[in-house]
């Protein structure tokens, strides 16, 4: 599964710098957009970007807010120089890339009920995944029960609370390679099953020769 990227990441760098300047003027944070004293601050950041997005015909999402938080963070020094008048540095700005993470969390309640679950999250920073999930949970866009159960033990199902436990990065390349390896083995097995004895012996000789060379 491909990691979703902000639609804003497709804009030209000069356009991103222009938007960044507007965001800075409006008090948009550099770094974690969830790291505020009140969750209402995040709503203000969202509305600020939403208003800018209208000029580009873009529907703003949580990933877009994260994108610009990371964009301002990783380009802090170069943006300061650009805003001071050095437009020659625009091509040096870095475009953040979101990665995929598994968010592991637990739900517990009465007596012996205890469940660990996992859901996939796309985020621009490892340390923001739990904050993003908590914000989406508050906004009604994240349900803990939608996750895949990792472990569960209960007698009476009456959950009372939940906690975010851990975040791990998903390596999309490893997932793809694993799938390809499995398909190769499955297809090879079918082909081998259709071969006669003489052909199999020749194939065995080729495989043995290859193994000795490794």
N, C-alpha and C. Protein backbone atom coordinates (compact mmCIF):
# COMPACT_ATOMS: atom_id res chain seq x y z
N UNK A 1 0.85 -1.20 0.00
CA UNK A 1 0.00 0.00 0.00
C UNK A 1 0.88 1.25 0.00
N UNK A 2 0.62 2.16 -0.93
CA UNK A 2 1.42 3.36 -1.07
C UNK A 2 1.08 4.37 0.03
N UNK A 3 2.11 4.99 0.59
CA UNK A 3 1.89 6.01 1.61
C UNK A 3 1.29 7.27 0.99
N UNK A 4 0.23 7.78 1.57
CA UNK A 4 -0.41 8.98 1.06
C UNK A 4 0.43 10.21 1.38
N UNK A 5 0.61 11.05 0.37
CA UNK A 5 1.36 12.28 0.53
C UNK A 5 0.40 13.47 0.41
N UNK A 6 0.77 14.57 1.02
CA UNK A 6 -0.03 15.78 0.93
C UNK A 6 -0.12 16.26 -0.51
N UNK A 7 -1.29 16.70 -0.92
CA UNK A 7 -1.45 17.25 -2.27
C UNK A 7 -0.58 18.48 -2.45
N UNK A 8 -0.31 19.19 -1.38
CA UNK A 8 0.52 20.39 -1.46
C UNK A 8 1.96 20.06 -1.86
N UNK A 9 2.38 18.82 -1.58
CA UNK A 9 3.76 18.43 -1.91
C UNK A 9 3.99 18.41 -3.42
N UNK A 10 2.91 18.44 -4.21
CA UNK A 10 3.02 18.42 -5.67
C UNK A 10 3.21 19.83 -6.25
N UNK A 11 3.05 20.85 -5.41
CA UNK A 11 3.21 22.22 -5.88
C UNK A 11 4.68 22.56 -6.12
N UNK A 12 4.93 23.59 -6.89
CA UNK A 12 6.29 24.05 -7.13
C UNK A 12 6.86 24.63 -5.83
N UNK A 13 8.17 24.58 -5.72
CA UNK A 13 8.82 25.05 -4.49
C UNK A 13 8.55 26.53 -4.22
N UNK A 14 8.49 27.33 -5.27
CA UNK A 14 8.23 28.75 -5.06
C UNK A 14 6.82 28.98 -4.51
N UNK A 15 5.89 28.10 -4.90
CA UNK A 15 4.52 28.19 -4.37
C UNK A 15 4.49 27.78 -2.90
N UNK A 16 5.26 26.74 -2.56
CA UNK A 16 5.31 26.28 -1.18
C UNK A 16 5.94 27.34 -0.29
N UNK A 17 6.97 28.01 -0.79
CA UNK A 17 7.61 29.07 -0.02
C UNK A 17 6.63 30.23 0.20
N UNK A 18 5.85 30.54 -0.82
CA UNK A 18 4.85 31.60 -0.70
C UNK A 18 3.83 31.25 0.39
N UNK A 19 3.34 29.99 0.34
CA UNK A 19 2.37 29.54 1.35
C UNK A 19 3.01 29.55 2.73
N UNK A 20 4.26 29.10 2.82
CA UNK A 20 4.96 29.06 4.11
C UNK A 20 5.04 30.45 4.72
N UNK A 21 5.30 31.45 3.88
CA UNK A 21 5.38 32.83 4.37
C UNK A 21 4.06 33.29 4.95
N UNK A 22 2.96 32.94 4.27
CA UNK A 22 1.64 33.30 4.77
C UNK A 22 1.34 32.60 6.09
N UNK A 23 1.73 31.33 6.18
CA UNK A 23 1.47 30.55 7.39
C UNK A 23 2.25 31.12 8.58
N UNK A 24 3.51 31.47 8.34
CA UNK A 24 4.34 32.03 9.41
C UNK A 24 3.73 33.34 9.91
N UNK A 25 3.27 34.17 8.98
CA UNK A 25 2.65 35.44 9.36
C UNK A 25 1.40 35.23 10.21
N UNK A 26 0.71 34.10 9.97
CA UNK A 26 -0.52 33.82 10.71
C UNK A 26 -0.29 32.97 11.96
N UNK A 27 0.97 32.75 12.30
CA UNK A 27 1.28 32.03 13.54
C UNK A 27 1.24 30.53 13.44
N UNK A 28 1.33 29.99 12.22
CA UNK A 28 1.35 28.53 12.04
C UNK A 28 2.66 27.99 12.62
N UNK A 29 2.61 26.86 13.36
CA UNK A 29 3.80 26.37 14.05
C UNK A 29 4.81 25.67 13.15
N UNK A 30 6.07 25.80 13.52
CA UNK A 30 7.13 25.03 12.88
C UNK A 30 7.34 23.77 13.72
N UNK A 31 7.10 22.60 13.14
CA UNK A 31 7.21 21.36 13.90
C UNK A 31 5.85 20.77 14.18
N UNK A 32 5.75 20.08 15.29
CA UNK A 32 4.55 19.33 15.66
C UNK A 32 3.33 20.24 15.79
N UNK A 33 2.36 20.13 14.89
CA UNK A 33 1.17 21.00 14.96
C UNK A 33 0.24 20.63 16.10
N UNK A 34 0.45 19.46 16.70
CA UNK A 34 -0.39 19.02 17.82
C UNK A 34 0.19 19.45 19.16
N UNK A 35 1.43 19.92 19.14
CA UNK A 35 2.12 20.27 20.37
C UNK A 35 1.71 21.66 20.83
N UNK A 36 0.48 21.78 21.22
CA UNK A 36 -0.08 23.06 21.65
C UNK A 36 -0.67 22.94 23.04
N UNK A 37 -0.83 24.05 23.70
CA UNK A 37 -1.39 24.02 25.06
C UNK A 37 -2.86 23.62 25.06
N UNK A 38 -3.54 23.94 23.95
CA UNK A 38 -4.95 23.58 23.84
C UNK A 38 -5.18 22.99 22.45
N UNK A 39 -6.04 21.95 22.37
CA UNK A 39 -6.33 21.34 21.08
C UNK A 39 -7.02 22.33 20.15
N UNK A 40 -7.64 23.36 20.71
CA UNK A 40 -8.28 24.36 19.87
C UNK A 40 -7.27 25.07 18.98
N UNK A 41 -6.00 25.11 19.42
CA UNK A 41 -4.95 25.73 18.61
C UNK A 41 -4.81 24.99 17.29
N UNK A 42 -4.90 23.67 17.33
CA UNK A 42 -4.80 22.87 16.11
C UNK A 42 -5.93 23.25 15.14
N UNK A 43 -7.12 23.45 15.66
CA UNK A 43 -8.25 23.83 14.81
C UNK A 43 -7.97 25.14 14.09
N UNK A 44 -7.30 26.06 14.79
CA UNK A 44 -6.95 27.35 14.18
C UNK A 44 -5.93 27.15 13.05
N UNK A 45 -4.95 26.28 13.28
CA UNK A 45 -3.94 26.00 12.25
C UNK A 45 -4.62 25.39 11.02
N UNK A 46 -5.56 24.50 11.29
CA UNK A 46 -6.28 23.83 10.21
C UNK A 46 -7.06 24.86 9.38
N UNK A 47 -7.75 25.76 10.06
CA UNK A 47 -8.56 26.76 9.36
C UNK A 47 -7.67 27.71 8.56
N UNK A 48 -6.51 28.05 9.12
CA UNK A 48 -5.57 28.93 8.42
C UNK A 48 -5.13 28.31 7.10
N UNK A 49 -4.75 27.04 7.15
CA UNK A 49 -4.32 26.34 5.93
C UNK A 49 -5.50 26.12 5.00
N UNK A 50 -6.67 25.87 5.56
CA UNK A 50 -7.87 25.65 4.75
C UNK A 50 -8.19 26.88 3.91
N UNK A 51 -8.04 28.06 4.49
CA UNK A 51 -8.30 29.30 3.76
C UNK A 51 -7.31 29.48 2.62
N UNK A 52 -6.05 29.12 2.86
CA UNK A 52 -5.03 29.22 1.81
C UNK A 52 -5.30 28.18 0.73
N UNK A 53 -5.72 26.98 1.13
CA UNK A 53 -5.97 25.92 0.19
C UNK A 53 -7.04 26.27 -0.83
N UNK A 54 -7.98 27.13 -0.44
CA UNK A 54 -9.06 27.52 -1.35
C UNK A 54 -8.53 28.21 -2.60
N UNK A 55 -7.42 28.95 -2.46
CA UNK A 55 -6.84 29.65 -3.60
C UNK A 55 -6.22 28.68 -4.59
N UNK A 56 -5.88 27.47 -4.11
CA UNK A 56 -5.28 26.46 -4.97
C UNK A 56 -6.28 25.36 -5.33
N UNK A 57 -7.53 25.53 -4.91
CA UNK A 57 -8.56 24.55 -5.20
C UNK A 57 -8.31 23.22 -4.52
N UNK A 58 -7.73 23.25 -3.32
CA UNK A 58 -7.37 22.03 -2.62
C UNK A 58 -8.21 21.85 -1.36
N UNK A 59 -8.64 20.61 -1.14
CA UNK A 59 -9.32 20.25 0.10
C UNK A 59 -8.26 19.88 1.13
N UNK A 60 -8.26 20.57 2.26
CA UNK A 60 -7.22 20.39 3.27
C UNK A 60 -7.56 19.23 4.20
N UNK A 61 -6.53 18.43 4.52
CA UNK A 61 -6.68 17.29 5.43
C UNK A 61 -5.64 17.39 6.53
N UNK A 62 -5.72 16.46 7.47
CA UNK A 62 -4.75 16.40 8.57
C UNK A 62 -3.33 16.25 8.03
N UNK A 63 -3.16 15.46 6.95
CA UNK A 63 -1.83 15.26 6.37
C UNK A 63 -1.23 16.57 5.86
N UNK A 64 -2.09 17.47 5.37
CA UNK A 64 -1.61 18.75 4.86
C UNK A 64 -1.10 19.64 5.99
N UNK A 65 -1.80 19.61 7.13
CA UNK A 65 -1.35 20.37 8.29
C UNK A 65 0.01 19.84 8.75
N UNK A 66 0.14 18.52 8.79
CA UNK A 66 1.41 17.91 9.16
C UNK A 66 2.51 18.29 8.17
N UNK A 67 2.16 18.27 6.87
CA UNK A 67 3.14 18.56 5.83
C UNK A 67 3.80 19.92 6.05
N UNK A 68 2.98 20.93 6.31
CA UNK A 68 3.55 22.27 6.47
C UNK A 68 4.25 22.43 7.82
N UNK A 69 3.79 21.70 8.84
CA UNK A 69 4.53 21.72 10.11
C UNK A 69 5.94 21.20 9.90
N UNK A 70 6.05 20.11 9.13
CA UNK A 70 7.35 19.51 8.84
C UNK A 70 8.14 20.37 7.85
N UNK A 71 7.45 20.95 6.87
CA UNK A 71 8.10 21.80 5.88
C UNK A 71 8.79 22.99 6.54
N UNK A 72 8.07 23.61 7.47
CA UNK A 72 8.65 24.76 8.18
C UNK A 72 9.81 24.32 9.08
N UNK A 73 9.69 23.12 9.66
CA UNK A 73 10.71 22.63 10.58
C UNK A 73 12.02 22.31 9.85
N UNK A 74 11.94 21.52 8.77
CA UNK A 74 13.16 21.07 8.09
C UNK A 74 13.80 22.17 7.26
N UNK A 75 13.04 23.21 6.93
CA UNK A 75 13.57 24.30 6.11
C UNK A 75 13.71 25.60 6.89
N UNK A 76 13.80 25.50 8.20
CA UNK A 76 13.82 26.69 9.06
C UNK A 76 14.90 27.69 8.64
N UNK A 77 16.13 27.22 8.50
CA UNK A 77 17.25 28.13 8.18
C UNK A 77 17.12 28.73 6.79
N UNK A 78 16.87 27.88 5.80
CA UNK A 78 16.81 28.38 4.43
C UNK A 78 15.61 29.29 4.21
N UNK A 79 14.49 29.01 4.87
CA UNK A 79 13.31 29.87 4.74
C UNK A 79 13.57 31.25 5.35
N UNK A 80 14.30 31.28 6.45
CA UNK A 80 14.63 32.56 7.09
C UNK A 80 15.41 33.44 6.12
N UNK A 81 16.35 32.83 5.40
CA UNK A 81 17.16 33.59 4.44
C UNK A 81 16.33 34.02 3.24
N UNK A 82 15.42 33.15 2.80
CA UNK A 82 14.55 33.49 1.67
C UNK A 82 13.63 34.64 2.04
N UNK A 83 13.07 34.58 3.24
CA UNK A 83 12.16 35.64 3.70
C UNK A 83 12.91 36.95 3.89
N UNK A 84 14.22 36.85 4.08
CA UNK A 84 15.05 38.07 4.22
C UNK A 84 15.43 38.64 2.87
N UNK A 85 15.06 37.94 1.78
CA UNK A 85 15.28 38.48 0.44
C UNK A 85 16.12 37.65 -0.50
N UNK A 86 16.71 36.55 -0.02
CA UNK A 86 17.57 35.74 -0.88
C UNK A 86 16.73 34.68 -1.59
N UNK A 87 16.10 35.07 -2.72
CA UNK A 87 15.23 34.17 -3.46
C UNK A 87 15.99 33.08 -4.21
N UNK A 88 17.31 33.21 -4.29
CA UNK A 88 18.10 32.22 -5.01
C UNK A 88 18.14 30.87 -4.30
N UNK A 89 17.69 30.85 -3.04
CA UNK A 89 17.75 29.62 -2.24
C UNK A 89 16.47 28.79 -2.33
N UNK A 90 15.51 29.24 -3.12
CA UNK A 90 14.22 28.54 -3.19
C UNK A 90 14.39 27.07 -3.58
N UNK A 91 15.27 26.80 -4.54
CA UNK A 91 15.45 25.42 -5.00
C UNK A 91 16.11 24.53 -3.95
N UNK A 92 16.63 25.12 -2.88
CA UNK A 92 17.28 24.33 -1.84
C UNK A 92 16.32 23.84 -0.76
N UNK A 93 15.06 24.29 -0.81
CA UNK A 93 14.11 23.84 0.21
C UNK A 93 13.84 22.34 0.02
N UNK A 94 13.61 21.66 1.12
CA UNK A 94 13.39 20.22 1.12
C UNK A 94 11.89 19.93 1.21
N UNK A 95 11.42 19.01 0.37
CA UNK A 95 10.01 18.60 0.39
C UNK A 95 9.88 17.40 1.33
N UNK A 96 9.17 17.53 2.44
CA UNK A 96 9.00 16.39 3.36
C UNK A 96 8.26 15.23 2.71
N UNK A 97 8.60 14.04 3.13
CA UNK A 97 7.96 12.83 2.60
C UNK A 97 7.34 12.05 3.77
N UNK A 98 6.06 11.77 3.67
CA UNK A 98 5.37 11.01 4.72
C UNK A 98 5.78 9.54 4.65
N UNK A 99 5.85 8.90 5.79
CA UNK A 99 6.12 7.47 5.88
C UNK A 99 4.91 6.79 6.52
N UNK A 100 4.88 5.48 6.45
CA UNK A 100 3.77 4.73 7.03
C UNK A 100 4.21 4.11 8.35
N UNK A 101 3.33 4.15 9.33
CA UNK A 101 3.63 3.62 10.66
C UNK A 101 2.49 2.74 11.14
N UNK A 102 2.82 1.82 11.99
CA UNK A 102 1.80 1.07 12.73
C UNK A 102 1.67 1.70 14.11
N UNK A 103 0.46 2.04 14.49
CA UNK A 103 0.20 2.56 15.82
C UNK A 103 -0.40 1.43 16.66
N UNK A 104 0.33 0.99 17.67
CA UNK A 104 -0.15 -0.05 18.57
C UNK A 104 -0.80 0.61 19.79
N UNK A 105 -1.96 0.11 20.15
CA UNK A 105 -2.65 0.69 21.31
C UNK A 105 -3.43 -0.39 22.03
N UNK A 106 -3.81 -0.08 23.26
CA UNK A 106 -4.53 -1.03 24.10
C UNK A 106 -5.86 -0.45 24.53
N UNK A 107 -6.84 -1.33 24.71
CA UNK A 107 -8.13 -0.96 25.27
C UNK A 107 -8.37 -1.87 26.47
N UNK A 108 -8.76 -1.29 27.58
CA UNK A 108 -9.01 -2.11 28.75
C UNK A 108 -10.29 -1.67 29.45
N UNK A 109 -10.80 -2.57 30.27
CA UNK A 109 -12.05 -2.26 30.96
C UNK A 109 -12.16 -3.09 32.22
N UNK A 110 -13.33 -3.63 32.43
CA UNK A 110 -13.59 -4.36 33.66
C UNK A 110 -12.88 -5.71 33.69
N UNK A 111 -12.53 -6.12 34.88
CA UNK A 111 -12.00 -7.46 35.14
C UNK A 111 -10.85 -7.84 34.24
N UNK A 112 -11.08 -8.87 33.43
CA UNK A 112 -9.98 -9.47 32.67
C UNK A 112 -9.90 -8.97 31.23
N UNK A 113 -10.67 -7.94 30.87
CA UNK A 113 -10.64 -7.46 29.49
C UNK A 113 -9.38 -6.66 29.22
N UNK A 114 -8.62 -7.08 28.22
CA UNK A 114 -7.39 -6.40 27.85
C UNK A 114 -7.09 -6.73 26.39
N UNK A 115 -7.05 -5.72 25.53
CA UNK A 115 -6.82 -5.96 24.10
C UNK A 115 -5.76 -5.02 23.56
N UNK A 116 -4.87 -5.55 22.74
CA UNK A 116 -3.88 -4.75 22.03
C UNK A 116 -4.22 -4.78 20.54
N UNK A 117 -4.20 -3.61 19.90
CA UNK A 117 -4.58 -3.50 18.50
C UNK A 117 -3.54 -2.69 17.74
N UNK A 118 -3.66 -2.66 16.42
CA UNK A 118 -2.75 -1.88 15.58
C UNK A 118 -3.52 -1.33 14.40
N UNK A 119 -3.21 -0.08 14.04
CA UNK A 119 -3.75 0.53 12.84
C UNK A 119 -2.62 1.22 12.11
N UNK A 120 -2.72 1.28 10.79
CA UNK A 120 -1.73 1.96 9.97
C UNK A 120 -2.01 3.46 9.96
N UNK A 121 -0.94 4.26 10.12
CA UNK A 121 -1.04 5.71 10.06
C UNK A 121 0.03 6.26 9.12
N UNK A 122 -0.34 7.21 8.28
CA UNK A 122 0.63 7.93 7.47
C UNK A 122 0.95 9.23 8.18
N UNK A 123 2.24 9.53 8.32
CA UNK A 123 2.63 10.73 9.06
C UNK A 123 3.96 11.24 8.55
N UNK A 124 4.21 12.52 8.75
CA UNK A 124 5.48 13.11 8.34
C UNK A 124 6.54 13.02 9.42
N UNK A 125 6.20 12.47 10.56
CA UNK A 125 7.18 12.34 11.64
C UNK A 125 6.77 11.22 12.58
N UNK A 126 7.74 10.38 12.95
CA UNK A 126 7.51 9.26 13.86
C UNK A 126 6.87 9.72 15.15
N UNK A 127 7.37 10.86 15.68
CA UNK A 127 6.92 11.34 16.99
C UNK A 127 5.53 11.98 16.95
N UNK A 128 4.96 12.15 15.77
CA UNK A 128 3.67 12.82 15.68
C UNK A 128 2.51 11.84 15.56
N UNK A 129 2.80 10.56 15.37
CA UNK A 129 1.74 9.59 15.09
C UNK A 129 0.71 9.53 16.21
N UNK A 130 1.19 9.42 17.45
CA UNK A 130 0.25 9.32 18.58
C UNK A 130 -0.56 10.60 18.74
N UNK A 131 0.10 11.77 18.55
CA UNK A 131 -0.62 13.04 18.66
C UNK A 131 -1.67 13.16 17.56
N UNK A 132 -1.31 12.71 16.36
CA UNK A 132 -2.25 12.75 15.24
C UNK A 132 -3.47 11.88 15.52
N UNK A 133 -3.21 10.68 16.04
CA UNK A 133 -4.31 9.76 16.35
C UNK A 133 -5.21 10.33 17.44
N UNK A 134 -4.60 10.94 18.46
CA UNK A 134 -5.39 11.52 19.55
C UNK A 134 -6.24 12.68 19.04
N UNK A 135 -5.65 13.51 18.14
CA UNK A 135 -6.41 14.62 17.58
C UNK A 135 -7.58 14.10 16.75
N UNK A 136 -7.33 13.10 15.91
CA UNK A 136 -8.39 12.52 15.08
C UNK A 136 -9.44 11.84 15.94
N UNK A 137 -9.01 11.26 17.06
CA UNK A 137 -9.96 10.63 17.97
C UNK A 137 -10.89 11.68 18.57
N UNK A 138 -10.32 12.83 18.93
CA UNK A 138 -11.14 13.91 19.49
C UNK A 138 -12.10 14.47 18.45
N UNK A 139 -11.64 14.50 17.17
CA UNK A 139 -12.47 15.03 16.10
C UNK A 139 -13.50 14.03 15.60
N UNK A 140 -13.45 12.81 16.10
CA UNK A 140 -14.39 11.78 15.67
C UNK A 140 -14.00 11.08 14.39
N UNK A 141 -12.71 11.23 13.98
CA UNK A 141 -12.24 10.62 12.74
C UNK A 141 -11.39 9.37 12.98
N UNK A 142 -11.27 8.94 14.22
CA UNK A 142 -10.47 7.76 14.54
C UNK A 142 -11.19 6.96 15.62
N UNK A 143 -11.43 5.69 15.33
CA UNK A 143 -12.07 4.80 16.29
C UNK A 143 -11.09 3.70 16.67
N UNK A 144 -10.84 3.54 17.96
CA UNK A 144 -9.88 2.54 18.40
C UNK A 144 -10.30 1.13 18.02
N UNK A 145 -11.61 0.89 17.90
CA UNK A 145 -12.09 -0.45 17.62
C UNK A 145 -11.95 -0.85 16.16
N UNK A 146 -11.50 0.09 15.31
CA UNK A 146 -11.31 -0.22 13.89
C UNK A 146 -9.97 -0.90 13.63
N UNK A 147 -9.13 -1.00 14.64
CA UNK A 147 -7.81 -1.58 14.45
C UNK A 147 -7.82 -3.10 14.34
N UNK A 148 -6.68 -3.65 13.97
CA UNK A 148 -6.52 -5.10 13.91
C UNK A 148 -6.04 -5.60 15.26
N UNK A 149 -6.74 -6.56 15.79
CA UNK A 149 -6.41 -7.07 17.12
C UNK A 149 -5.11 -7.86 17.08
N UNK A 150 -4.20 -7.53 17.99
CA UNK A 150 -2.94 -8.24 18.12
C UNK A 150 -3.03 -9.28 19.23
N UNK A 151 -3.68 -8.89 20.32
CA UNK A 151 -3.85 -9.79 21.46
C UNK A 151 -5.09 -9.38 22.21
N UNK A 152 -5.87 -10.35 22.68
CA UNK A 152 -7.08 -10.02 23.42
C UNK A 152 -7.36 -11.08 24.48
N UNK A 153 -7.80 -10.60 25.64
CA UNK A 153 -8.18 -11.51 26.72
C UNK A 153 -9.25 -10.83 27.56
N UNK A 154 -10.43 -11.44 27.61
CA UNK A 154 -11.50 -10.86 28.42
C UNK A 154 -12.57 -11.89 28.72
N UNK A 155 -13.35 -11.61 29.76
CA UNK A 155 -14.53 -12.40 30.10
C UNK A 155 -15.78 -11.56 29.86
N UNK A 156 -15.77 -10.33 30.40
CA UNK A 156 -16.89 -9.41 30.25
C UNK A 156 -16.43 -8.20 29.47
N UNK A 157 -17.07 -7.91 28.34
CA UNK A 157 -16.64 -6.82 27.46
C UNK A 157 -17.31 -5.51 27.85
N UNK A 158 -16.64 -4.73 28.71
CA UNK A 158 -17.10 -3.40 29.09
C UNK A 158 -15.88 -2.49 29.16
N UNK A 159 -15.39 -2.00 28.00
CA UNK A 159 -14.19 -1.15 27.99
C UNK A 159 -14.42 0.17 28.70
N UNK A 160 -13.37 0.64 29.37
CA UNK A 160 -13.48 1.90 30.10
C UNK A 160 -12.46 2.94 29.65
N UNK A 161 -11.35 2.53 29.05
CA UNK A 161 -10.33 3.50 28.66
C UNK A 161 -9.39 2.87 27.63
N UNK A 162 -8.50 3.69 27.07
CA UNK A 162 -7.52 3.18 26.11
C UNK A 162 -6.22 3.97 26.24
N UNK A 163 -5.14 3.44 25.67
CA UNK A 163 -3.86 4.11 25.68
C UNK A 163 -3.10 3.78 24.41
N UNK A 164 -2.29 4.76 23.92
CA UNK A 164 -1.42 4.52 22.78
C UNK A 164 -0.10 4.01 23.32
N UNK A 165 0.36 2.87 22.81
CA UNK A 165 1.50 2.17 23.39
C UNK A 165 2.81 2.36 22.63
N UNK A 166 2.76 2.22 21.30
CA UNK A 166 4.01 2.21 20.55
C UNK A 166 3.76 2.54 19.09
N UNK A 167 4.82 3.01 18.41
CA UNK A 167 4.75 3.31 16.98
C UNK A 167 5.94 2.65 16.29
N UNK A 168 5.69 1.95 15.19
CA UNK A 168 6.78 1.37 14.41
C UNK A 168 6.60 1.76 12.96
N UNK A 169 7.72 2.02 12.28
CA UNK A 169 7.66 2.41 10.87
C UNK A 169 7.41 1.20 9.99
N UNK A 170 6.59 1.38 8.96
CA UNK A 170 6.32 0.32 7.99
C UNK A 170 7.25 0.49 6.81
N UNK A 171 8.04 -0.55 6.50
CA UNK A 171 8.93 -0.51 5.35
C UNK A 171 8.18 -1.05 4.14
N UNK A 172 7.69 -0.14 3.29
CA UNK A 172 6.89 -0.55 2.14
C UNK A 172 7.69 -1.40 1.16
N UNK A 173 9.01 -1.15 1.07
CA UNK A 173 9.85 -1.94 0.17
C UNK A 173 9.92 -3.39 0.62
N UNK A 174 10.03 -3.59 1.95
CA UNK A 174 10.10 -4.95 2.47
C UNK A 174 8.79 -5.70 2.22
N UNK A 175 7.68 -4.99 2.36
CA UNK A 175 6.38 -5.62 2.11
C UNK A 175 6.27 -6.05 0.66
N UNK A 176 6.71 -5.15 -0.26
CA UNK A 176 6.64 -5.46 -1.69
C UNK A 176 7.55 -6.62 -2.04
N UNK A 177 8.80 -6.60 -1.51
CA UNK A 177 9.74 -7.66 -1.81
C UNK A 177 9.25 -9.00 -1.29
N UNK A 178 8.67 -8.99 -0.11
CA UNK A 178 8.15 -10.23 0.48
C UNK A 178 7.04 -10.81 -0.39
N UNK A 179 6.17 -9.94 -0.89
CA UNK A 179 5.07 -10.38 -1.74
C UNK A 179 5.60 -10.95 -3.05
N UNK A 180 6.59 -10.28 -3.64
CA UNK A 180 7.16 -10.75 -4.89
C UNK A 180 7.85 -12.10 -4.71
N UNK A 181 8.58 -12.25 -3.60
CA UNK A 181 9.25 -13.53 -3.32
C UNK A 181 8.24 -14.66 -3.22
N UNK A 182 7.12 -14.38 -2.55
CA UNK A 182 6.10 -15.41 -2.37
C UNK A 182 5.48 -15.79 -3.71
N UNK A 183 5.24 -14.79 -4.56
CA UNK A 183 4.65 -15.07 -5.87
C UNK A 183 5.60 -15.88 -6.75
N UNK A 184 6.90 -15.55 -6.66
CA UNK A 184 7.90 -16.29 -7.44
C UNK A 184 7.91 -17.75 -7.02
N UNK A 185 7.90 -17.99 -5.70
CA UNK A 185 7.92 -19.36 -5.20
C UNK A 185 6.68 -20.14 -5.62
N UNK A 186 5.51 -19.46 -5.52
CA UNK A 186 4.27 -20.14 -5.87
C UNK A 186 4.24 -20.50 -7.35
N UNK A 187 4.68 -19.56 -8.21
CA UNK A 187 4.68 -19.82 -9.65
C UNK A 187 5.71 -20.88 -10.02
N UNK A 188 6.88 -20.82 -9.34
CA UNK A 188 7.92 -21.81 -9.61
C UNK A 188 7.44 -23.21 -9.25
N UNK A 189 6.73 -23.31 -8.13
CA UNK A 189 6.20 -24.60 -7.70
C UNK A 189 5.27 -25.20 -8.74
N UNK A 190 4.43 -24.37 -9.36
CA UNK A 190 3.51 -24.84 -10.38
C UNK A 190 4.25 -25.33 -11.61
N UNK A 191 5.30 -24.58 -12.00
CA UNK A 191 6.08 -24.95 -13.19
C UNK A 191 6.80 -26.27 -12.95
N UNK A 192 7.44 -26.39 -11.77
CA UNK A 192 8.20 -27.60 -11.45
C UNK A 192 7.30 -28.83 -11.46
N UNK A 193 6.08 -28.68 -11.00
CA UNK A 193 5.14 -29.79 -10.94
C UNK A 193 4.80 -30.34 -12.32
N UNK A 194 4.97 -29.52 -13.34
CA UNK A 194 4.61 -29.93 -14.70
C UNK A 194 5.78 -30.52 -15.48
N UNK A 195 7.00 -30.53 -14.89
CA UNK A 195 8.19 -31.00 -15.60
C UNK A 195 8.36 -32.51 -15.48
N UNK A 196 9.00 -33.11 -16.51
CA UNK A 196 9.29 -34.54 -16.46
C UNK A 196 10.61 -34.77 -15.72
N UNK A 197 10.95 -36.08 -15.51
CA UNK A 197 12.13 -36.42 -14.71
C UNK A 197 13.42 -35.90 -15.34
N UNK A 198 13.58 -36.06 -16.64
CA UNK A 198 14.82 -35.64 -17.30
C UNK A 198 15.03 -34.14 -17.18
N UNK A 199 13.96 -33.39 -17.38
CA UNK A 199 14.05 -31.92 -17.27
C UNK A 199 14.36 -31.51 -15.84
N UNK A 200 13.77 -32.20 -14.86
CA UNK A 200 14.01 -31.90 -13.46
C UNK A 200 15.47 -32.13 -13.09
N UNK A 201 16.07 -33.19 -13.62
CA UNK A 201 17.48 -33.48 -13.34
C UNK A 201 18.39 -32.40 -13.91
N UNK A 202 18.06 -31.92 -15.12
CA UNK A 202 18.84 -30.83 -15.71
C UNK A 202 18.70 -29.56 -14.87
N UNK A 203 17.48 -29.32 -14.42
CA UNK A 203 17.22 -28.14 -13.60
C UNK A 203 17.97 -28.22 -12.27
N UNK A 204 17.99 -29.44 -11.69
CA UNK A 204 18.72 -29.64 -10.44
C UNK A 204 20.20 -29.34 -10.61
N UNK A 205 20.76 -29.76 -11.75
CA UNK A 205 22.18 -29.50 -12.03
C UNK A 205 22.46 -28.00 -12.12
N UNK A 206 21.54 -27.27 -12.75
CA UNK A 206 21.69 -25.82 -12.88
C UNK A 206 21.62 -25.14 -11.52
N UNK A 207 20.69 -25.60 -10.69
CA UNK A 207 20.52 -25.01 -9.35
C UNK A 207 21.74 -25.29 -8.48
N UNK A 208 22.24 -26.54 -8.53
CA UNK A 208 23.42 -26.89 -7.74
C UNK A 208 24.62 -26.05 -8.15
N UNK A 209 24.77 -25.83 -9.44
CA UNK A 209 25.89 -25.02 -9.94
C UNK A 209 25.77 -23.58 -9.45
N UNK A 210 24.55 -23.07 -9.45
CA UNK A 210 24.31 -21.69 -8.99
C UNK A 210 24.59 -21.56 -7.51
N UNK A 211 24.16 -22.56 -6.72
CA UNK A 211 24.38 -22.53 -5.27
C UNK A 211 25.87 -22.56 -4.92
N UNK A 212 26.66 -23.33 -5.69
CA UNK A 212 28.10 -23.40 -5.43
C UNK A 212 28.79 -22.09 -5.71
N UNK A 213 28.19 -21.28 -6.60
CA UNK A 213 28.81 -20.00 -6.96
C UNK A 213 28.49 -18.88 -5.99
N UNK A 214 27.55 -19.11 -5.08
CA UNK A 214 27.13 -18.07 -4.14
C UNK A 214 28.05 -18.01 -2.92
